[in-house]
């Protein structure tokens, strides 16, 4: 299970903090101006995910950098083509004569236009870009989850991310008269390793693993999506549908009111009703409109939200 919190206030940019359940570290999605993002949030971050580097999505990287210097571990940064040089340029804008060599390591994973991924390290004291030869099945993965992506069109590539919690294998002891014990893990391992003929000892009896498989149930992991700036067009919506269908929770850009859809089209943004329409088509369980035009007052934002849910919740 993921919990997510919007760290930007109304009138600020966009930044979302994501925390996997029972895990020490968190993720930051988008580095926009966000006054609710704390020092602890930044220091506990394991990976940063950036859709694109327009100023409202990247300006706050400097603050995150400020809080992360000295944590003495690796932080992964995922983003579109060009992100490696942009991260280096931001860091090199400062003087680093007093920094320790082990203060931090940034591993940047740059998503190319063909969806391939190029990896590099940037570390003190000189912050050179050092290429890493790494083959990745996912743009990011750890013991709790994997992260997938699609590239959307915002007149520049804009990365939409899907966080997928690992499926978990559960056992229902209510289906039999057995008590729990070491055999439960032995049965799970037999299932995972495709060893159906393994002998499982329960009390004083032995059972073939496959004869006990009826006790097992695969629980599907929670899925959370973050879809930022994109043009509300068929090509983008097809890509969104391909990755986010039946997702549990999605935060989606809803930059404009429906009456401002012409401006949305000109600026390659989405707007309230279209963001809601694609979320409804995807059968997303919980869709949350975010990232509104900064020229909107609070009452305008309420209109955007109302328009979104009028479409999304309409049966």
C-alpha atoms as a PDB file:
ATOM      1  CA  UNK A   1       0.000   0.000   0.000  1.00  0.00           C
ATOM      2  CA  UNK A   2       1.179   3.503  -0.843  1.00  0.00           C
ATOM      3  CA  UNK A   3       0.215   6.693   0.924  1.00  0.00           C
ATOM      4  CA  UNK A   4       0.611   9.952  -0.971  1.00  0.00           C
ATOM      5  CA  UNK A   5       0.550  13.544   0.192  1.00  0.00           C
ATOM      6  CA  UNK A   6       0.481  16.708  -1.880  1.00  0.00           C
ATOM      7  CA  UNK A   7       3.202  18.936  -0.469  1.00  0.00           C
ATOM      8  CA  UNK A   8       2.402  22.060  -2.499  1.00  0.00           C
ATOM      9  CA  UNK A   9      -0.177  24.546  -1.293  1.00  0.00           C
ATOM     10  CA  UNK A  10      -2.712  26.358  -3.459  1.00  0.00           C
ATOM     11  CA  UNK A  11      -0.821  28.938  -5.512  1.00  0.00           C
ATOM     12  CA  UNK A  12       2.384  26.904  -5.462  1.00  0.00           C
ATOM     13  CA  UNK A  13       3.623  24.423  -8.060  1.00  0.00           C
ATOM     14  CA  UNK A  14       3.325  20.635  -7.636  1.00  0.00           C
ATOM     15  CA  UNK A  15       5.163  18.112  -5.494  1.00  0.00           C
ATOM     16  CA  UNK A  16       3.847  14.787  -4.216  1.00  0.00           C
ATOM     17  CA  UNK A  17       5.407  12.656  -1.486  1.00  0.00           C
ATOM     18  CA  UNK A  18       4.821   8.890  -1.794  1.00  0.00           C
ATOM     19  CA  UNK A  19       5.455   6.467   1.059  1.00  0.00           C
ATOM     20  CA  UNK A  20       5.378   2.672   0.674  1.00  0.00           C
ATOM     21  CA  UNK A  21       3.832   0.923   3.659  1.00  0.00           C
ATOM     22  CA  UNK A  22       6.283  -0.436   6.267  1.00  0.00           C
ATOM     23  CA  UNK A  23       9.274   1.082   4.512  1.00  0.00           C
ATOM     24  CA  UNK A  24      11.855   3.516   5.878  1.00  0.00           C
ATOM     25  CA  UNK A  25      12.177   5.704   2.796  1.00  0.00           C
ATOM     26  CA  UNK A  26       9.879   7.687   0.516  1.00  0.00           C
ATOM     27  CA  UNK A  27       9.720   9.069  -3.032  1.00  0.00           C
ATOM     28  CA  UNK A  28       9.277  12.622  -4.289  1.00  0.00           C
ATOM     29  CA  UNK A  29       7.334  13.157  -7.507  1.00  0.00           C
ATOM     30  CA  UNK A  30       7.963  16.566  -9.083  1.00  0.00           C
ATOM     31  CA  UNK A  31      10.232  19.256  -7.685  1.00  0.00           C
ATOM     32  CA  UNK A  32       7.911  22.221  -7.912  1.00  0.00           C
ATOM     33  CA  UNK A  33       7.672  24.920  -5.243  1.00  0.00           C
ATOM     34  CA  UNK A  34       6.178  23.160  -2.192  1.00  0.00           C
ATOM     35  CA  UNK A  35       6.380  24.768   1.244  1.00  0.00           C
ATOM     36  CA  UNK A  36       5.015  21.686   3.053  1.00  0.00           C
ATOM     37  CA  UNK A  37       7.981  19.564   1.945  1.00  0.00           C
ATOM     38  CA  UNK A  38      10.062  19.169   5.101  1.00  0.00           C
ATOM     39  CA  UNK A  39      13.750  18.609   5.754  1.00  0.00           C
ATOM     40  CA  UNK A  40      12.910  15.090   6.970  1.00  0.00           C
ATOM     41  CA  UNK A  41      10.900  14.387   3.800  1.00  0.00           C
ATOM     42  CA  UNK A  42      13.922  15.273   1.683  1.00  0.00           C
ATOM     43  CA  UNK A  43      16.439  13.374   3.793  1.00  0.00           C
ATOM     44  CA  UNK A  44      14.284  10.228   3.826  1.00  0.00           C
ATOM     45  CA  UNK A  45      13.875  10.251   0.054  1.00  0.00           C
ATOM     46  CA  UNK A  46      15.226   7.275  -1.842  1.00  0.00           C
ATOM     47  CA  UNK A  47      14.240   8.373  -5.344  1.00  0.00           C
ATOM     48  CA  UNK A  48      12.992  11.488  -7.131  1.00  0.00           C
ATOM     49  CA  UNK A  49      10.713  11.262 -10.170  1.00  0.00           C
ATOM     50  CA  UNK A  50      10.466  14.226 -12.531  1.00  0.00           C
ATOM     51  CA  UNK A  51       8.040  14.347 -15.451  1.00  0.00           C
ATOM     52  CA  UNK A  52       9.807  17.193 -17.283  1.00  0.00           C
ATOM     53  CA  UNK A  53      11.940  20.178 -16.377  1.00  0.00           C
ATOM     54  CA  UNK A  54       9.703  23.171 -16.948  1.00  0.00           C
ATOM     55  CA  UNK A  55      10.433  25.547 -14.086  1.00  0.00           C
ATOM     56  CA  UNK A  56       7.280  24.688 -12.108  1.00  0.00           C
ATOM     57  CA  UNK A  57       8.377  21.034 -11.916  1.00  0.00           C
ATOM     58  CA  UNK A  58      12.085  21.487 -11.238  1.00  0.00           C
ATOM     59  CA  UNK A  59      12.639  24.764  -9.384  1.00  0.00           C
ATOM     60  CA  UNK A  60      12.624  23.187  -5.925  1.00  0.00           C
ATOM     61  CA  UNK A  61      15.362  20.653  -6.663  1.00  0.00           C
ATOM     62  CA  UNK A  62      17.807  23.143  -5.132  1.00  0.00           C
ATOM     63  CA  UNK A  63      15.985  22.988  -1.783  1.00  0.00           C
ATOM     64  CA  UNK A  64      15.884  19.184  -1.882  1.00  0.00           C
ATOM     65  CA  UNK A  65      19.591  19.147  -2.705  1.00  0.00           C
ATOM     66  CA  UNK A  66      20.284  21.471   0.228  1.00  0.00           C
ATOM     67  CA  UNK A  67      18.602  19.089   2.665  1.00  0.00           C
ATOM     68  CA  UNK A  68      20.081  15.900   1.192  1.00  0.00           C
ATOM     69  CA  UNK A  69      23.743  16.892   1.235  1.00  0.00           C
ATOM     70  CA  UNK A  70      25.419  14.865   3.951  1.00  0.00           C
ATOM     71  CA  UNK A  71      23.007  11.882   4.084  1.00  0.00           C
ATOM     72  CA  UNK A  72      25.875   9.687   2.827  1.00  0.00           C
ATOM     73  CA  UNK A  73      23.856   7.391   0.592  1.00  0.00           C
ATOM     74  CA  UNK A  74      22.605   7.032  -2.974  1.00  0.00           C
ATOM     75  CA  UNK A  75      19.536   8.874  -4.256  1.00  0.00           C
ATOM     76  CA  UNK A  76      18.070   7.956  -7.642  1.00  0.00           C
ATOM     77  CA  UNK A  77      16.702  10.678  -9.941  1.00  0.00           C
ATOM     78  CA  UNK A  78      14.454   9.603 -12.828  1.00  0.00           C
ATOM     79  CA  UNK A  79      13.475  11.992 -15.588  1.00  0.00           C
ATOM     80  CA  UNK A  80      13.322  12.699 -19.313  1.00  0.00           C
ATOM     81  CA  UNK A  81      16.093  13.133 -21.848  1.00  0.00           C
ATOM     82  CA  UNK A  82      18.495  15.882 -20.744  1.00  0.00           C
ATOM     83  CA  UNK A  83      17.871  15.468 -17.003  1.00  0.00           C
ATOM     84  CA  UNK A  84      21.467  14.372 -16.273  1.00  0.00           C
ATOM     85  CA  UNK A  85      23.028  17.577 -17.582  1.00  0.00           C
ATOM     86  CA  UNK A  86      20.310  19.663 -15.950  1.00  0.00           C
ATOM     87  CA  UNK A  87      20.900  18.099 -12.528  1.00  0.00           C
ATOM     88  CA  UNK A  88      24.646  18.603 -12.902  1.00  0.00           C
ATOM     89  CA  UNK A  89      24.166  22.227 -13.960  1.00  0.00           C
ATOM     90  CA  UNK A  90      22.014  22.985 -10.924  1.00  0.00           C
ATOM     91  CA  UNK A  91      24.525  21.420  -8.549  1.00  0.00           C
ATOM     92  CA  UNK A  92      27.556  23.070 -10.158  1.00  0.00           C
ATOM     93  CA  UNK A  93      25.987  26.504  -9.722  1.00  0.00           C
ATOM     94  CA  UNK A  94      27.220  26.350  -6.111  1.00  0.00           C
ATOM     95  CA  UNK A  95      30.673  26.332  -4.479  1.00  0.00           C
ATOM     96  CA  UNK A  96      31.605  22.944  -2.957  1.00  0.00           C
ATOM     97  CA  UNK A  97      35.116  23.368  -1.530  1.00  0.00           C
ATOM     98  CA  UNK A  98      34.085  22.111   1.935  1.00  0.00           C
ATOM     99  CA  UNK A  99      32.063  19.045   0.923  1.00  0.00           C
ATOM    100  CA  UNK A 100      33.059  15.486   1.848  1.00  0.00           C
ATOM    101  CA  UNK A 101      33.448  12.997  -0.995  1.00  0.00           C
ATOM    102  CA  UNK A 102      30.931  10.587   0.563  1.00  0.00           C
ATOM    103  CA  UNK A 103      28.298  13.252   1.268  1.00  0.00           C
ATOM    104  CA  UNK A 104      25.866  11.828  -1.313  1.00  0.00           C
ATOM    105  CA  UNK A 105      25.704  10.058  -4.672  1.00  0.00           C
ATOM    106  CA  UNK A 106      23.045  10.917  -7.237  1.00  0.00           C
ATOM    107  CA  UNK A 107      22.253   8.186  -9.729  1.00  0.00           C
ATOM    108  CA  UNK A 108      20.408   9.733 -12.649  1.00  0.00           C
ATOM    109  CA  UNK A 109      18.263   7.555 -14.890  1.00  0.00           C
ATOM    110  CA  UNK A 110      17.506   9.418 -18.080  1.00  0.00           C
ATOM    111  CA  UNK A 111      14.548   8.190 -20.136  1.00  0.00           C
ATOM    112  CA  UNK A 112      15.230   8.581 -23.838  1.00  0.00           C
ATOM    113  CA  UNK A 113      12.615   9.358 -26.466  1.00  0.00           C
ATOM    114  CA  UNK A 114      12.617   5.666 -27.478  1.00  0.00           C
ATOM    115  CA  UNK A 115      11.981   4.714 -23.796  1.00  0.00           C
ATOM    116  CA  UNK A 116      15.485   3.325 -23.308  1.00  0.00           C
ATOM    117  CA  UNK A 117      17.245   4.377 -20.099  1.00  0.00           C
ATOM    118  CA  UNK A 118      20.756   5.818 -19.748  1.00  0.00           C
ATOM    119  CA  UNK A 119      22.281   5.816 -16.253  1.00  0.00           C
ATOM    120  CA  UNK A 120      24.997   7.989 -14.748  1.00  0.00           C
ATOM    121  CA  UNK A 121      26.409   8.948 -11.366  1.00  0.00           C
ATOM    122  CA  UNK A 122      27.019  12.502 -10.176  1.00  0.00           C
ATOM    123  CA  UNK A 123      28.941  12.844  -6.924  1.00  0.00           C
ATOM    124  CA  UNK A 124      31.143  15.289  -5.040  1.00  0.00           C
ATOM    125  CA  UNK A 125      33.469  17.003  -4.962  1.00  0.00           C
ATOM    126  CA  UNK A 126      33.642  17.687  -8.715  1.00  0.00           C
ATOM    127  CA  UNK A 127      30.156  16.489  -9.687  1.00  0.00           C
ATOM    128  CA  UNK A 128      31.326  14.935 -12.947  1.00  0.00           C
ATOM    129  CA  UNK A 129      28.925  12.794 -14.966  1.00  0.00           C
ATOM    130  CA  UNK A 130      30.145   9.199 -14.867  1.00  0.00           C
ATOM    131  CA  UNK A 131      28.289   6.725 -17.079  1.00  0.00           C
ATOM    132  CA  UNK A 132      26.990   3.496 -15.529  1.00  0.00           C
ATOM    133  CA  UNK A 133      26.519   0.354 -17.593  1.00  0.00           C
ATOM    134  CA  UNK A 134      23.266  -0.928 -16.118  1.00  0.00           C
ATOM    135  CA  UNK A 135      20.433  -2.950 -17.623  1.00  0.00           C
ATOM    136  CA  UNK A 136      17.098  -2.122 -16.006  1.00  0.00           C
ATOM    137  CA  UNK A 137      13.842  -4.050 -16.232  1.00  0.00           C
ATOM    138  CA  UNK A 138      12.097  -1.012 -14.730  1.00  0.00           C
ATOM    139  CA  UNK A 139      13.039   2.626 -14.402  1.00  0.00           C
ATOM    140  CA  UNK A 140      13.057   1.935 -10.664  1.00  0.00           C
ATOM    141  CA  UNK A 141      12.504  -1.012  -8.346  1.00  0.00           C
ATOM    142  CA  UNK A 142      13.184  -1.993  -4.754  1.00  0.00           C
ATOM    143  CA  UNK A 143      11.992  -4.593  -2.264  1.00  0.00           C
ATOM    144  CA  UNK A 144       8.535  -2.990  -2.056  1.00  0.00           C
ATOM    145  CA  UNK A 145       7.647  -1.938  -5.586  1.00  0.00           C
ATOM    146  CA  UNK A 146       8.476  -1.350  -9.226  1.00  0.00           C
ATOM    147  CA  UNK A 147       7.968   1.838 -11.234  1.00  0.00           C
ATOM    148  CA  UNK A 148       6.873   1.869 -14.881  1.00  0.00           C
ATOM    149  CA  UNK A 149       6.329   4.824 -17.196  1.00  0.00           C
ATOM    150  CA  UNK A 150       4.965   6.175 -20.458  1.00  0.00           C
ATOM    151  CA  UNK A 151       6.154   9.256 -22.335  1.00  0.00           C
ATOM    152  CA  UNK A 152       3.397  11.773 -22.997  1.00  0.00           C
ATOM    153  CA  UNK A 153       3.441  14.793 -25.304  1.00  0.00           C
ATOM    154  CA  UNK A 154       3.599  18.228 -23.642  1.00  0.00           C
ATOM    155  CA  UNK A 155       5.409  19.728 -26.629  1.00  0.00           C
ATOM    156  CA  UNK A 156       8.308  18.080 -24.832  1.00  0.00           C
ATOM    157  CA  UNK A 157       8.395  14.530 -23.456  1.00  0.00           C
ATOM    158  CA  UNK A 158       6.565  14.338 -20.119  1.00  0.00           C
ATOM    159  CA  UNK A 159       7.017  11.157 -18.090  1.00  0.00           C
ATOM    160  CA  UNK A 160       3.953   9.641 -16.388  1.00  0.00           C
ATOM    161  CA  UNK A 161       4.863   7.162 -13.636  1.00  0.00           C
ATOM    162  CA  UNK A 162       3.074   4.094 -12.293  1.00  0.00           C
ATOM    163  CA  UNK A 163       4.126   2.783  -8.870  1.00  0.00           C
ATOM    164  CA  UNK A 164       3.277  -0.912  -8.482  1.00  0.00           C
ATOM    165  CA  UNK A 165       3.492  -2.601  -5.108  1.00  0.00           C
ATOM    166  CA  UNK A 166       4.701  -6.187  -5.364  1.00  0.00           C
ATOM    167  CA  UNK A 167       1.994  -8.837  -5.263  1.00  0.00           C
ATOM    168  CA  UNK A 168       2.013 -10.815  -2.013  1.00  0.00           C
ATOM    169  CA  UNK A 169       1.279 -14.492  -1.469  1.00  0.00           C
ATOM    170  CA  UNK A 170      -1.185 -15.047   1.374  1.00  0.00           C
ATOM    171  CA  UNK A 171      -2.382 -18.242   3.039  1.00  0.00           C
ATOM    172  CA  UNK A 172      -5.906 -18.939   4.278  1.00  0.00           C
ATOM    173  CA  UNK A 173      -5.660 -21.412   7.142  1.00  0.00           C
ATOM    174  CA  UNK A 174      -9.419 -21.288   7.463  1.00  0.00           C
ATOM    175  CA  UNK A 175      -9.668 -23.583   4.429  1.00  0.00           C
ATOM    176  CA  UNK A 176      -8.063 -26.463   6.371  1.00  0.00           C
ATOM    177  CA  UNK A 177      -7.555 -27.735   9.918  1.00  0.00           C
ATOM    178  CA  UNK A 178      -3.835 -26.953   9.967  1.00  0.00           C
ATOM    179  CA  UNK A 179      -2.073 -24.683  12.415  1.00  0.00           C
ATOM    180  CA  UNK A 180       0.522 -22.186  11.263  1.00  0.00           C
ATOM    181  CA  UNK A 181       4.206 -22.969  11.389  1.00  0.00           C
ATOM    182  CA  UNK A 182       7.413 -23.168   9.395  1.00  0.00           C
ATOM    183  CA  UNK A 183       5.593 -25.178   6.737  1.00  0.00           C
ATOM    184  CA  UNK A 184       3.741 -22.057   5.593  1.00  0.00           C
ATOM    185  CA  UNK A 185       6.920 -20.415   4.286  1.00  0.00           C
ATOM    186  CA  UNK A 186       8.053 -23.762   2.834  1.00  0.00           C
ATOM    187  CA  UNK A 187       4.786 -23.994   0.897  1.00  0.00           C
ATOM    188  CA  UNK A 188       5.089 -20.410  -0.341  1.00  0.00           C
ATOM    189  CA  UNK A 189       8.668 -21.017  -1.487  1.00  0.00           C
ATOM    190  CA  UNK A 190       7.606 -24.173  -3.312  1.00  0.00           C
ATOM    191  CA  UNK A 191       4.919 -22.183  -5.115  1.00  0.00           C
ATOM    192  CA  UNK A 192       7.203 -19.263  -5.998  1.00  0.00           C
ATOM    193  CA  UNK A 193      10.012 -21.550  -7.161  1.00  0.00           C
ATOM    194  CA  UNK A 194       7.610 -23.762  -9.148  1.00  0.00           C
ATOM    195  CA  UNK A 195       8.407 -26.907  -7.145  1.00  0.00           C
ATOM    196  CA  UNK A 196       4.977 -28.549  -6.869  1.00  0.00           C
ATOM    197  CA  UNK A 197       6.387 -31.949  -5.878  1.00  0.00           C
ATOM    198  CA  UNK A 198       8.179 -30.688  -2.761  1.00  0.00           C
ATOM    199  CA  UNK A 199       7.213 -32.505   0.412  1.00  0.00           C
ATOM    200  CA  UNK A 200       5.751 -30.258   3.105  1.00  0.00           C
ATOM    201  CA  UNK A 201       5.811 -31.526   6.693  1.00  0.00           C
ATOM    202  CA  UNK A 202       2.811 -30.507   8.828  1.00  0.00           C
ATOM    203  CA  UNK A 203       2.800 -31.981  12.318  1.00  0.00           C
ATOM    204  CA  UNK A 204       3.649 -35.672  11.749  1.00  0.00           C
ATOM    205  CA  UNK A 205       2.362 -35.846   8.182  1.00  0.00           C
ATOM    206  CA  UNK A 206       3.849 -35.112   4.767  1.00  0.00           C
ATOM    207  CA  UNK A 207       1.945 -33.499   1.889  1.00  0.00           C
ATOM    208  CA  UNK A 208       2.864 -32.774  -1.714  1.00  0.00           C
ATOM    209  CA  UNK A 209       3.111 -28.999  -2.154  1.00  0.00           C
ATOM    210  CA  UNK A 210       0.660 -28.815  -5.063  1.00  0.00           C
ATOM    211  CA  UNK A 211      -1.983 -30.535  -2.936  1.00  0.00           C
ATOM    212  CA  UNK A 212      -1.808 -27.553  -0.572  1.00  0.00           C
ATOM    213  CA  UNK A 213      -1.849 -24.815  -3.198  1.00  0.00           C
ATOM    214  CA  UNK A 214      -5.592 -24.338  -2.633  1.00  0.00           C
ATOM    215  CA  UNK A 215      -4.649 -22.616   0.647  1.00  0.00           C
ATOM    216  CA  UNK A 216      -2.701 -19.901  -1.183  1.00  0.00           C
ATOM    217  CA  UNK A 217      -4.001 -16.653  -2.602  1.00  0.00           C
ATOM    218  CA  UNK A 218      -2.058 -14.022  -4.540  1.00  0.00           C
ATOM    219  CA  UNK A 219      -2.991 -10.548  -3.323  1.00  0.00           C
ATOM    220  CA  UNK A 220      -2.518  -7.948  -6.027  1.00  0.00           C
ATOM    221  CA  UNK A 221      -0.317  -5.039  -5.013  1.00  0.00           C
ATOM    222  CA  UNK A 222      -1.547  -1.465  -4.758  1.00  0.00           C
ATOM    223  CA  UNK A 223      -1.010   0.685  -7.853  1.00  0.00           C
ATOM    224  CA  UNK A 224      -0.572   4.456  -7.761  1.00  0.00           C
ATOM    225  CA  UNK A 225      -0.111   6.706 -10.780  1.00  0.00           C
ATOM    226  CA  UNK A 226       1.229  10.229 -11.246  1.00  0.00           C
ATOM    227  CA  UNK A 227       0.323  11.824 -14.582  1.00  0.00           C
ATOM    228  CA  UNK A 228       1.567  15.353 -15.024  1.00  0.00           C
ATOM    229  CA  UNK A 229       1.478  17.814 -17.918  1.00  0.00           C
ATOM    230  CA  UNK A 230       0.149  16.453 -21.204  1.00  0.00           C
ATOM    231  CA  UNK A 231      -1.967  17.542 -24.126  1.00  0.00           C
ATOM    232  CA  UNK A 232      -5.524  16.230 -23.932  1.00  0.00           C
ATOM    233  CA  UNK A 233      -5.419  14.337 -27.221  1.00  0.00           C
ATOM    234  CA  UNK A 234      -6.066  10.822 -28.488  1.00  0.00           C
ATOM    235  CA  UNK A 235      -2.411   9.806 -28.658  1.00  0.00           C
ATOM    236  CA  UNK A 236      -1.745  10.732 -25.039  1.00  0.00           C
ATOM    237  CA  UNK A 237      -5.001   9.199 -23.847  1.00  0.00           C
ATOM    238  CA  UNK A 238      -4.179   5.909 -25.578  1.00  0.00           C
ATOM    239  CA  UNK A 239      -0.832   5.822 -23.773  1.00  0.00           C
ATOM    240  CA  UNK A 240      -2.451   6.650 -20.444  1.00  0.00           C
ATOM    241  CA  UNK A 241      -5.007   3.899 -20.934  1.00  0.00           C
ATOM    242  CA  UNK A 242      -2.299   1.363 -21.771  1.00  0.00           C
ATOM    243  CA  UNK A 243      -0.545   1.833 -18.416  1.00  0.00           C
ATOM    244  CA  UNK A 244      -3.126   3.100 -15.935  1.00  0.00           C
ATOM    245  CA  UNK A 245      -6.158   0.932 -16.703  1.00  0.00           C
ATOM    246  CA  UNK A 246      -7.868  -0.187 -13.461  1.00  0.00           C
ATOM    247  CA  UNK A 247      -5.296   1.615 -11.333  1.00  0.00           C
ATOM    248  CA  UNK A 248      -6.153   2.109  -7.656  1.00  0.00           C
ATOM    249  CA  UNK A 249      -5.197   5.779  -7.340  1.00  0.00           C
ATOM    250  CA  UNK A 250      -4.035   8.347  -9.896  1.00  0.00           C
ATOM    251  CA  UNK A 251      -2.992  11.972  -9.443  1.00  0.00           C
ATOM    252  CA  UNK A 252      -3.604  13.676 -12.781  1.00  0.00           C
ATOM    253  CA  UNK A 253      -2.921  17.138 -14.088  1.00  0.00           C
ATOM    254  CA  UNK A 254      -6.077  19.218 -14.525  1.00  0.00           C
ATOM    255  CA  UNK A 255      -4.532  22.556 -15.347  1.00  0.00           C
ATOM    256  CA  UNK A 256      -7.518  24.430 -16.757  1.00  0.00           C
ATOM    257  CA  UNK A 257     -11.265  24.834 -16.437  1.00  0.00           C
ATOM    258  CA  UNK A 258     -13.324  23.415 -19.290  1.00  0.00           C
ATOM    259  CA  UNK A 259     -14.119  26.917 -20.548  1.00  0.00           C
ATOM    260  CA  UNK A 260     -10.369  27.463 -21.032  1.00  0.00           C
ATOM    261  CA  UNK A 261      -9.862  24.352 -23.138  1.00  0.00           C
ATOM    262  CA  UNK A 262      -8.598  26.361 -26.132  1.00  0.00           C
ATOM    263  CA  UNK A 263      -5.784  27.717 -23.978  1.00  0.00           C
ATOM    264  CA  UNK A 264      -5.143  24.164 -22.747  1.00  0.00           C
ATOM    265  CA  UNK A 265      -4.821  22.968 -26.323  1.00  0.00           C
ATOM    266  CA  UNK A 266      -2.482  25.814 -27.262  1.00  0.00           C
ATOM    267  CA  UNK A 267      -0.217  25.059 -24.275  1.00  0.00           C
ATOM    268  CA  UNK A 268      -0.324  21.253 -24.531  1.00  0.00           C
ATOM    269  CA  UNK A 269      -2.064  20.945 -21.160  1.00  0.00           C
ATOM    270  CA  UNK A 270      -5.060  18.947 -20.031  1.00  0.00           C
ATOM    271  CA  UNK A 271      -8.217  20.387 -18.488  1.00  0.00           C
ATOM    272  CA  UNK A 272     -10.833  19.312 -15.956  1.00  0.00           C
ATOM    273  CA  UNK A 273     -13.353  17.354 -18.010  1.00  0.00           C
ATOM    274  CA  UNK A 274     -10.793  15.660 -20.271  1.00  0.00           C
ATOM    275  CA  UNK A 275      -8.611  14.534 -17.380  1.00  0.00           C
ATOM    276  CA  UNK A 276     -11.718  13.114 -15.741  1.00  0.00           C
ATOM    277  CA  UNK A 277     -12.857  11.430 -18.949  1.00  0.00           C
ATOM    278  CA  UNK A 278      -9.636   9.481 -19.435  1.00  0.00           C
ATOM    279  CA  UNK A 279      -9.603   8.485 -15.758  1.00  0.00           C
ATOM    280  CA  UNK A 280     -13.158   7.209 -16.069  1.00  0.00           C
ATOM    281  CA  UNK A 281     -12.258   5.299 -19.229  1.00  0.00           C
ATOM    282  CA  UNK A 282      -9.328   3.732 -17.368  1.00  0.00           C
ATOM    283  CA  UNK A 283     -11.712   2.684 -14.584  1.00  0.00           C
ATOM    284  CA  UNK A 284      -9.430   4.218 -11.989  1.00  0.00           C
ATOM    285  CA  UNK A 285     -10.837   3.663  -8.505  1.00  0.00           C
ATOM    286  CA  UNK A 286      -9.661   6.943  -6.994  1.00  0.00           C
ATOM    287  CA  UNK A 287      -8.735   9.797  -9.334  1.00  0.00           C
ATOM    288  CA  UNK A 288      -7.401  13.051  -7.881  1.00  0.00           C
ATOM    289  CA  UNK A 289      -7.110  16.243  -9.976  1.00  0.00           C
ATOM    290  CA  UNK A 290      -3.956  18.260  -9.237  1.00  0.00           C
ATOM    291  CA  UNK A 291      -1.645  20.942 -10.647  1.00  0.00           C
ATOM    292  CA  UNK A 292      -3.861  23.890 -11.476  1.00  0.00           C
ATOM    293  CA  UNK A 293      -2.977  27.101 -13.301  1.00  0.00           C
ATOM    294  CA  UNK A 294      -1.339  29.565 -10.935  1.00  0.00           C
ATOM    295  CA  UNK A 295      -3.414  32.384 -12.394  1.00  0.00           C
ATOM    296  CA  UNK A 296      -6.527  30.743 -10.941  1.00  0.00           C
ATOM    297  CA  UNK A 297      -7.942  31.960  -7.655  1.00  0.00           C
ATOM    298  CA  UNK A 298      -9.239  29.477  -5.106  1.00  0.00           C
ATOM    299  CA  UNK A 299     -12.784  29.738  -6.444  1.00  0.00           C
ATOM    300  CA  UNK A 300     -11.522  28.901  -9.940  1.00  0.00           C
ATOM    301  CA  UNK A 301      -9.747  25.832  -8.608  1.00  0.00           C
ATOM    302  CA  UNK A 302     -12.966  24.699  -6.954  1.00  0.00           C
ATOM    303  CA  UNK A 303     -14.649  24.935 -10.352  1.00  0.00           C
ATOM    304  CA  UNK A 304     -11.906  22.769 -11.887  1.00  0.00           C
ATOM    305  CA  UNK A 305     -12.396  20.166  -9.155  1.00  0.00           C
ATOM    306  CA  UNK A 306     -16.190  20.242  -9.483  1.00  0.00           C
ATOM    307  CA  UNK A 307     -16.008  19.850 -13.263  1.00  0.00           C
ATOM    308  CA  UNK A 308     -13.615  16.946 -12.857  1.00  0.00           C
ATOM    309  CA  UNK A 309     -15.819  14.982 -10.479  1.00  0.00           C
ATOM    310  CA  UNK A 310     -18.998  15.754 -12.414  1.00  0.00           C
ATOM    311  CA  UNK A 311     -17.516  13.765 -15.280  1.00  0.00           C
ATOM    312  CA  UNK A 312     -15.584  11.167 -13.284  1.00  0.00           C
ATOM    313  CA  UNK A 313     -18.444  10.231 -10.959  1.00  0.00           C
ATOM    314  CA  UNK A 314     -21.218  10.449 -13.551  1.00  0.00           C
ATOM    315  CA  UNK A 315     -22.629   6.964 -14.180  1.00  0.00           C
END
